[in-house]
Amino acid sequence: MTKLFRPLPFAVLTFGILLHAHGDLILAGGGSPLAAAVFLFSALPYVIALIALRRHPESWIAALAAGAVLLMMDLAVFRSVLISPALSAGLLALLVEPLVNLLLALPFGWYLGRVMARG
């Protein structure tokens, strides 16, 4: 049964990177060095989780949990800024959210997955 779910963290983390590529490069008009820098900074937590998954394939549950937490944070910010903006400072969330993902969401998700894997 676990063999069935092992590719799932790779798919979730790749979807997160593609989501940022679409939002930061395609929707923003692409091409500019600032858009590329924002994309690289936004995708960094997903890349770190992919590297950790590659180095420690037995930690696939931790990678899945980290990817899910990162994706939930991203989707919540995208919704609050792009779909139904409620605050005028919503764009600030797009700049702060990658740092929060990197410093809080990624370690929390990885720790949550490690706890879930222990049972």
N, C-alpha and C. Protein backbone atom coordinates (compact mmCIF):
# COMPACT_ATOMS: atom_id res chain seq x y z
N MET A 1 0.81 -1.19 0.00
CA MET A 1 0.00 0.00 0.00
C MET A 1 0.87 1.27 0.00
N THR A 2 1.98 1.23 0.72
CA THR A 2 2.81 2.43 0.78
C THR A 2 3.50 2.69 -0.56
N LYS A 3 3.74 1.66 -1.36
CA LYS A 3 4.34 1.86 -2.67
C LYS A 3 3.43 2.69 -3.57
N LEU A 4 2.14 2.58 -3.34
CA LEU A 4 1.18 3.32 -4.14
C LEU A 4 1.27 4.83 -3.89
N PHE A 5 1.57 5.20 -2.64
CA PHE A 5 1.56 6.61 -2.27
C PHE A 5 2.94 7.27 -2.32
N ARG A 6 3.99 6.53 -2.58
CA ARG A 6 5.34 7.11 -2.59
C ARG A 6 5.54 8.19 -3.64
N PRO A 7 4.95 8.14 -4.82
CA PRO A 7 5.12 9.25 -5.78
C PRO A 7 4.31 10.50 -5.44
N LEU A 8 3.40 10.40 -4.49
CA LEU A 8 2.52 11.52 -4.17
C LEU A 8 3.26 12.77 -3.67
N PRO A 9 4.28 12.67 -2.79
CA PRO A 9 4.99 13.89 -2.38
C PRO A 9 5.66 14.60 -3.56
N PHE A 10 6.23 13.84 -4.48
CA PHE A 10 6.85 14.44 -5.65
C PHE A 10 5.82 15.22 -6.47
N ALA A 11 4.63 14.65 -6.61
CA ALA A 11 3.57 15.32 -7.38
C ALA A 11 3.11 16.60 -6.67
N VAL A 12 2.93 16.56 -5.35
CA VAL A 12 2.47 17.73 -4.61
C VAL A 12 3.52 18.84 -4.66
N LEU A 13 4.79 18.49 -4.46
CA LEU A 13 5.85 19.49 -4.47
C LEU A 13 6.05 20.07 -5.87
N THR A 14 5.94 19.24 -6.88
CA THR A 14 6.06 19.73 -8.25
C THR A 14 4.89 20.65 -8.60
N PHE A 15 3.70 20.31 -8.13
CA PHE A 15 2.54 21.18 -8.37
C PHE A 15 2.74 22.54 -7.72
N GLY A 16 3.33 22.57 -6.54
CA GLY A 16 3.61 23.85 -5.88
C GLY A 16 4.58 24.71 -6.67
N ILE A 17 5.61 24.08 -7.23
CA ILE A 17 6.57 24.82 -8.05
C ILE A 17 5.90 25.34 -9.32
N LEU A 18 5.07 24.50 -9.94
CA LEU A 18 4.37 24.93 -11.15
C LEU A 18 3.35 26.03 -10.86
N LEU A 19 2.73 25.98 -9.69
CA LEU A 19 1.80 27.03 -9.29
C LEU A 19 2.52 28.37 -9.17
N HIS A 20 3.69 28.36 -8.58
CA HIS A 20 4.45 29.61 -8.47
C HIS A 20 4.98 30.06 -9.82
N ALA A 21 5.38 29.12 -10.66
CA ALA A 21 5.84 29.49 -12.01
C ALA A 21 4.72 30.17 -12.78
N HIS A 22 3.51 29.63 -12.66
CA HIS A 22 2.37 30.23 -13.36
C HIS A 22 2.06 31.62 -12.79
N GLY A 23 2.03 31.72 -11.48
CA GLY A 23 1.66 32.99 -10.87
C GLY A 23 2.73 34.06 -10.99
N ASP A 24 3.99 33.66 -10.84
CA ASP A 24 5.07 34.65 -10.81
C ASP A 24 5.63 34.97 -12.19
N LEU A 25 5.59 34.03 -13.09
CA LEU A 25 6.19 34.26 -14.40
C LEU A 25 5.16 34.54 -15.50
N ILE A 26 4.10 33.75 -15.54
CA ILE A 26 3.13 33.88 -16.63
C ILE A 26 2.13 35.00 -16.34
N LEU A 27 1.51 34.99 -15.15
CA LEU A 27 0.51 36.01 -14.84
C LEU A 27 1.13 37.39 -14.64
N ALA A 28 2.37 37.43 -14.16
CA ALA A 28 3.04 38.71 -13.91
C ALA A 28 3.66 39.30 -15.16
N GLY A 29 3.57 38.62 -16.27
CA GLY A 29 4.13 39.14 -17.51
C GLY A 29 5.49 38.57 -17.85
N GLY A 30 6.08 37.79 -16.93
CA GLY A 30 7.34 37.11 -17.19
C GLY A 30 8.49 38.04 -17.53
N GLY A 31 9.57 37.44 -17.97
CA GLY A 31 10.67 38.17 -18.54
C GLY A 31 11.53 39.03 -17.64
N SER A 32 11.00 39.68 -16.66
CA SER A 32 11.81 40.61 -15.88
C SER A 32 12.65 39.86 -14.85
N PRO A 33 13.81 40.40 -14.52
CA PRO A 33 14.64 39.76 -13.48
C PRO A 33 13.96 39.74 -12.11
N LEU A 34 13.14 40.74 -11.84
CA LEU A 34 12.42 40.76 -10.56
C LEU A 34 11.42 39.61 -10.46
N ALA A 35 10.71 39.34 -11.55
CA ALA A 35 9.76 38.22 -11.56
C ALA A 35 10.49 36.89 -11.39
N ALA A 36 11.65 36.76 -12.00
CA ALA A 36 12.44 35.53 -11.85
C ALA A 36 12.94 35.38 -10.42
N ALA A 37 13.36 36.48 -9.80
CA ALA A 37 13.84 36.42 -8.42
C ALA A 37 12.70 36.06 -7.46
N VAL A 38 11.53 36.63 -7.69
CA VAL A 38 10.37 36.31 -6.84
C VAL A 38 9.99 34.84 -7.01
N PHE A 39 10.04 34.34 -8.25
CA PHE A 39 9.74 32.93 -8.47
C PHE A 39 10.74 32.03 -7.76
N LEU A 40 12.02 32.33 -7.87
CA LEU A 40 13.04 31.49 -7.22
C LEU A 40 12.88 31.51 -5.70
N PHE A 41 12.60 32.67 -5.14
CA PHE A 41 12.40 32.77 -3.70
C PHE A 41 11.13 32.04 -3.27
N SER A 42 10.08 32.10 -4.08
CA SER A 42 8.82 31.44 -3.74
C SER A 42 8.91 29.93 -3.87
N ALA A 43 9.69 29.46 -4.83
CA ALA A 43 9.80 28.02 -5.06
C ALA A 43 10.85 27.35 -4.17
N LEU A 44 11.65 28.14 -3.46
CA LEU A 44 12.74 27.59 -2.65
C LEU A 44 12.28 26.57 -1.61
N PRO A 45 11.19 26.78 -0.85
CA PRO A 45 10.77 25.74 0.11
C PRO A 45 10.41 24.42 -0.57
N TYR A 46 9.79 24.49 -1.74
CA TYR A 46 9.45 23.26 -2.46
C TYR A 46 10.71 22.55 -2.94
N VAL A 47 11.68 23.31 -3.41
CA VAL A 47 12.94 22.72 -3.88
C VAL A 47 13.69 22.07 -2.72
N ILE A 48 13.70 22.73 -1.57
CA ILE A 48 14.36 22.16 -0.39
C ILE A 48 13.69 20.85 0.01
N ALA A 49 12.36 20.82 -0.01
CA ALA A 49 11.65 19.59 0.32
C ALA A 49 11.92 18.49 -0.71
N LEU A 50 12.02 18.85 -1.99
CA LEU A 50 12.35 17.86 -3.01
C LEU A 50 13.76 17.30 -2.82
N ILE A 51 14.71 18.16 -2.47
CA ILE A 51 16.08 17.69 -2.23
C ILE A 51 16.11 16.78 -1.01
N ALA A 52 15.40 17.16 0.05
CA ALA A 52 15.34 16.30 1.24
C ALA A 52 14.67 14.98 0.93
N LEU A 53 13.65 15.00 0.11
CA LEU A 53 12.99 13.75 -0.29
C LEU A 53 13.92 12.87 -1.11
N ARG A 54 14.71 13.49 -1.97
CA ARG A 54 15.65 12.74 -2.80
C ARG A 54 16.75 12.10 -1.95
N ARG A 55 17.21 12.84 -0.93
CA ARG A 55 18.27 12.32 -0.08
C ARG A 55 17.77 11.28 0.92
N HIS A 56 16.53 11.44 1.37
CA HIS A 56 15.95 10.53 2.36
C HIS A 56 14.61 10.02 1.86
N PRO A 57 14.61 9.06 0.95
CA PRO A 57 13.33 8.59 0.39
C PRO A 57 12.42 7.91 1.42
N GLU A 58 12.98 7.48 2.54
CA GLU A 58 12.14 6.86 3.56
C GLU A 58 11.29 7.90 4.29
N SER A 59 11.59 9.17 4.12
CA SER A 59 10.83 10.24 4.76
C SER A 59 9.76 10.80 3.83
N TRP A 60 9.15 9.94 3.04
CA TRP A 60 8.17 10.42 2.07
C TRP A 60 6.90 10.95 2.74
N ILE A 61 6.57 10.45 3.93
CA ILE A 61 5.40 10.96 4.64
C ILE A 61 5.66 12.39 5.12
N ALA A 62 6.88 12.63 5.61
CA ALA A 62 7.24 13.98 6.04
C ALA A 62 7.24 14.94 4.85
N ALA A 63 7.72 14.50 3.72
CA ALA A 63 7.73 15.35 2.52
C ALA A 63 6.30 15.62 2.05
N LEU A 64 5.44 14.63 2.14
CA LEU A 64 4.04 14.83 1.75
C LEU A 64 3.35 15.82 2.68
N ALA A 65 3.58 15.70 3.98
CA ALA A 65 2.97 16.63 4.92
C ALA A 65 3.51 18.05 4.72
N ALA A 66 4.82 18.17 4.51
CA ALA A 66 5.40 19.49 4.27
C ALA A 66 4.85 20.11 2.99
N GLY A 67 4.74 19.31 1.94
CA GLY A 67 4.18 19.81 0.69
C GLY A 67 2.73 20.23 0.84
N ALA A 68 1.97 19.48 1.61
CA ALA A 68 0.56 19.83 1.82
C ALA A 68 0.43 21.13 2.61
N VAL A 69 1.26 21.31 3.64
CA VAL A 69 1.20 22.55 4.42
C VAL A 69 1.62 23.74 3.56
N LEU A 70 2.69 23.58 2.78
CA LEU A 70 3.14 24.65 1.90
C LEU A 70 2.07 25.01 0.88
N LEU A 71 1.46 23.99 0.30
CA LEU A 71 0.44 24.23 -0.72
C LEU A 71 -0.79 24.91 -0.12
N MET A 72 -1.18 24.52 1.09
CA MET A 72 -2.32 25.17 1.73
C MET A 72 -2.03 26.64 2.01
N MET A 73 -0.82 26.93 2.46
CA MET A 73 -0.45 28.33 2.70
C MET A 73 -0.49 29.12 1.39
N ASP A 74 0.08 28.56 0.33
CA ASP A 74 0.10 29.25 -0.95
C ASP A 74 -1.30 29.49 -1.49
N LEU A 75 -2.12 28.47 -1.45
CA LEU A 75 -3.48 28.62 -1.98
C LEU A 75 -4.30 29.61 -1.16
N ALA A 76 -4.10 29.64 0.15
CA ALA A 76 -4.82 30.60 0.98
C ALA A 76 -4.40 32.03 0.65
N VAL A 77 -3.11 32.25 0.44
CA VAL A 77 -2.64 33.60 0.11
C VAL A 77 -3.09 33.99 -1.29
N PHE A 78 -2.99 33.06 -2.25
CA PHE A 78 -3.45 33.37 -3.61
C PHE A 78 -4.93 33.72 -3.62
N ARG A 79 -5.71 32.98 -2.84
CA ARG A 79 -7.14 33.26 -2.79
C ARG A 79 -7.41 34.63 -2.17
N SER A 80 -6.70 34.92 -1.08
CA SER A 80 -6.98 36.18 -0.39
C SER A 80 -6.47 37.40 -1.16
N VAL A 81 -5.53 37.19 -2.07
CA VAL A 81 -4.96 38.33 -2.81
C VAL A 81 -5.55 38.43 -4.21
N LEU A 82 -5.64 37.32 -4.91
CA LEU A 82 -6.01 37.37 -6.33
C LEU A 82 -7.49 37.11 -6.59
N ILE A 83 -8.11 36.24 -5.82
CA ILE A 83 -9.49 35.86 -6.11
C ILE A 83 -10.49 36.76 -5.40
N SER A 84 -10.34 36.89 -4.09
CA SER A 84 -11.27 37.74 -3.34
C SER A 84 -10.49 38.65 -2.40
N PRO A 85 -9.91 39.70 -2.94
CA PRO A 85 -9.12 40.60 -2.08
C PRO A 85 -10.01 41.35 -1.10
N ALA A 86 -9.62 41.30 0.17
CA ALA A 86 -10.39 41.98 1.20
C ALA A 86 -9.63 43.17 1.78
N LEU A 87 -8.32 43.11 1.73
CA LEU A 87 -7.50 44.17 2.29
C LEU A 87 -6.68 44.85 1.21
N SER A 88 -6.38 46.10 1.41
CA SER A 88 -5.56 46.80 0.43
C SER A 88 -4.09 46.41 0.56
N ALA A 89 -3.71 45.84 1.69
CA ALA A 89 -2.33 45.41 1.90
C ALA A 89 -2.14 43.94 1.52
N GLY A 90 -3.03 43.42 0.72
CA GLY A 90 -2.97 42.01 0.35
C GLY A 90 -1.74 41.66 -0.46
N LEU A 91 -1.26 42.60 -1.26
CA LEU A 91 -0.06 42.32 -2.05
C LEU A 91 1.17 42.13 -1.18
N LEU A 92 1.16 42.72 -0.01
CA LEU A 92 2.26 42.51 0.92
C LEU A 92 2.34 41.04 1.33
N ALA A 93 1.20 40.39 1.38
CA ALA A 93 1.18 38.96 1.72
C ALA A 93 1.93 38.13 0.69
N LEU A 94 1.86 38.53 -0.57
CA LEU A 94 2.59 37.80 -1.61
C LEU A 94 4.10 37.90 -1.43
N LEU A 95 4.56 38.97 -0.82
CA LEU A 95 5.99 39.13 -0.59
C LEU A 95 6.45 38.49 0.70
N VAL A 96 5.60 38.48 1.71
CA VAL A 96 5.98 37.94 3.01
C VAL A 96 5.77 36.42 3.06
N GLU A 97 4.81 35.93 2.33
CA GLU A 97 4.44 34.51 2.40
C GLU A 97 5.57 33.55 2.04
N PRO A 98 6.42 33.80 1.06
CA PRO A 98 7.53 32.87 0.82
C PRO A 98 8.49 32.76 2.00
N LEU A 99 8.71 33.86 2.70
CA LEU A 99 9.57 33.81 3.88
C LEU A 99 8.92 33.02 5.00
N VAL A 100 7.62 33.19 5.18
CA VAL A 100 6.89 32.41 6.18
C VAL A 100 6.90 30.93 5.80
N ASN A 101 6.75 30.64 4.53
CA ASN A 101 6.83 29.25 4.08
C ASN A 101 8.19 28.65 4.39
N LEU A 102 9.23 29.41 4.12
CA LEU A 102 10.58 28.91 4.31
C LEU A 102 10.92 28.71 5.78
N LEU A 103 10.55 29.66 6.61
CA LEU A 103 10.96 29.63 8.01
C LEU A 103 9.99 28.91 8.94
N LEU A 104 8.71 28.87 8.60
CA LEU A 104 7.73 28.28 9.51
C LEU A 104 7.00 27.07 8.92
N ALA A 105 6.42 27.22 7.74
CA ALA A 105 5.56 26.17 7.19
C ALA A 105 6.34 24.91 6.82
N LEU A 106 7.50 25.07 6.19
CA LEU A 106 8.28 23.90 5.80
C LEU A 106 8.75 23.10 7.01
N PRO A 107 9.38 23.71 8.03
CA PRO A 107 9.78 22.91 9.19
C PRO A 107 8.59 22.31 9.94
N PHE A 108 7.49 23.09 10.05
CA PHE A 108 6.31 22.56 10.74
C PHE A 108 5.73 21.36 9.99
N GLY A 109 5.59 21.47 8.68
CA GLY A 109 5.06 20.35 7.90
C GLY A 109 5.95 19.14 7.95
N TRP A 110 7.26 19.35 7.89
CA TRP A 110 8.19 18.21 7.95
C TRP A 110 8.11 17.54 9.32
N TYR A 111 8.06 18.34 10.39
CA TYR A 111 7.95 17.77 11.73
C TYR A 111 6.62 17.04 11.90
N LEU A 112 5.55 17.61 11.40
CA LEU A 112 4.24 16.97 11.46
C LEU A 112 4.26 15.63 10.74
N GLY A 113 4.90 15.57 9.59
CA GLY A 113 5.01 14.31 8.86
C GLY A 113 5.85 13.29 9.58
N ARG A 114 6.91 13.72 10.26
CA ARG A 114 7.74 12.79 11.02
C ARG A 114 6.94 12.21 12.18
N VAL A 115 6.15 13.04 12.84
CA VAL A 115 5.31 12.56 13.94
C VAL A 115 4.26 11.57 13.41
N MET A 116 3.67 11.88 12.26
CA MET A 116 2.67 10.98 11.68
C MET A 116 3.29 9.66 11.26
N ALA A 117 4.52 9.67 10.79
CA ALA A 117 5.18 8.45 10.34
C ALA A 117 5.52 7.54 11.53
N ARG A 118 5.79 8.13 12.67
CA ARG A 118 6.11 7.31 13.85
C ARG A 118 4.88 6.61 14.39
N GLY A 119 3.72 7.18 14.16
CA GLY A 119 2.49 6.53 14.57
C GLY A 119 2.04 6.90 15.89
